[in-house]
């Protein structure tokens, strides 16, 4: 199986430059960064709740626990969030 093509740093920057000119720029930037930095799929990100990502004091959790209902394969997994 061939390896998936990845974005070059220039392409990555082009994507974010484009997003910054569109409606809901901050939201869309966050969604893309979550995918790029954690490897989460769009459907996994869409299923997240604030309580999955934030502690009660508002700080970002170091890991996000995905239930089997949230993942493609139906198996729960833990996603580590880089600081």
Protein backbone atom coordinates (compact mmCIF):
# COMPACT_ATOMS: atom_id res chain seq x y z
CA UNK A 1 0.00 0.00 0.00
CA UNK A 2 1.37 3.43 -0.95
CA UNK A 3 1.99 6.00 1.73
CA UNK A 4 -0.42 8.93 1.91
CA UNK A 5 0.84 12.26 0.62
CA UNK A 6 1.53 14.82 3.33
CA UNK A 7 1.50 18.59 3.12
CA UNK A 8 4.74 20.49 2.76
CA UNK A 9 5.32 23.34 5.24
CA UNK A 10 4.42 25.79 2.46
CA UNK A 11 1.16 23.97 1.69
CA UNK A 12 0.35 23.80 5.40
CA UNK A 13 0.82 27.57 5.67
CA UNK A 14 -1.30 28.16 2.54
CA UNK A 15 -4.18 26.24 4.09
CA UNK A 16 -4.06 28.35 7.25
CA UNK A 17 -3.68 31.58 5.30
CA UNK A 18 -6.81 30.72 3.32
CA UNK A 19 -8.77 29.72 6.42
CA UNK A 20 -7.92 33.03 8.11
CA UNK A 21 -9.87 34.89 5.40
CA UNK A 22 -13.08 32.85 5.76
CA UNK A 23 -16.06 32.90 8.09
CA UNK A 24 -15.49 31.04 11.39
CA UNK A 25 -11.72 31.24 10.90
CA UNK A 26 -10.79 30.47 14.53
CA UNK A 27 -13.10 27.46 14.71
CA UNK A 28 -11.81 26.05 11.43
CA UNK A 29 -8.19 26.65 12.44
CA UNK A 30 -8.78 24.76 15.68
CA UNK A 31 -10.39 21.83 13.84
CA UNK A 32 -7.48 21.56 11.41
CA UNK A 33 -4.85 21.87 14.12
CA UNK A 34 -6.58 19.15 16.15
CA UNK A 35 -6.44 16.87 13.14
CA UNK A 36 -2.87 17.69 12.16
CA UNK A 37 -1.40 17.64 15.68
CA UNK A 38 -3.26 14.64 17.12
CA UNK A 39 -4.08 12.55 14.05
CA UNK A 40 -7.78 12.54 14.91
CA UNK A 41 -10.31 12.01 12.13
CA UNK A 42 -12.93 14.65 11.31
CA UNK A 43 -15.73 12.48 12.70
CA UNK A 44 -13.81 12.04 15.96
CA UNK A 45 -13.28 15.78 16.29
CA UNK A 46 -16.95 16.42 15.48
CA UNK A 47 -18.01 14.10 18.31
CA UNK A 48 -15.93 15.87 20.96
CA UNK A 49 -17.55 17.77 23.82
CA UNK A 50 -15.88 20.52 25.82
CA UNK A 51 -15.66 18.16 28.78
CA UNK A 52 -13.63 15.75 26.62
CA UNK A 53 -11.00 18.43 25.96
CA UNK A 54 -11.07 20.81 28.96
CA UNK A 55 -10.65 20.28 32.70
CA UNK A 56 -13.24 21.92 34.96
CA UNK A 57 -10.82 24.81 35.54
CA UNK A 58 -10.67 25.49 31.77
CA UNK A 59 -7.20 24.08 31.14
CA UNK A 60 -6.62 21.78 28.17
CA UNK A 61 -6.31 18.10 29.03
CA UNK A 62 -3.10 16.29 28.11
CA UNK A 63 -5.02 13.36 26.71
CA UNK A 64 -8.43 12.86 25.17
CA UNK A 65 -10.22 9.57 25.65
CA UNK A 66 -12.33 8.56 22.68
CA UNK A 67 -15.10 6.02 23.16
CA UNK A 68 -15.69 3.21 20.70
CA UNK A 69 -18.74 5.06 19.38
CA UNK A 70 -16.49 7.99 18.43
CA UNK A 71 -13.85 6.03 16.48
CA UNK A 72 -13.86 4.51 13.00
CA UNK A 73 -13.01 0.99 14.13
CA UNK A 74 -15.33 1.01 17.11
CA UNK A 75 -12.49 0.59 19.60
CA UNK A 76 -11.84 3.17 22.32
CA UNK A 77 -8.49 4.94 22.20
CA UNK A 78 -6.56 7.69 23.90
CA UNK A 79 -5.24 10.66 21.94
CA UNK A 80 -2.34 12.62 23.44
CA UNK A 81 -2.44 16.40 23.03
CA UNK A 82 0.95 18.02 22.46
CA UNK A 83 1.61 21.03 24.65
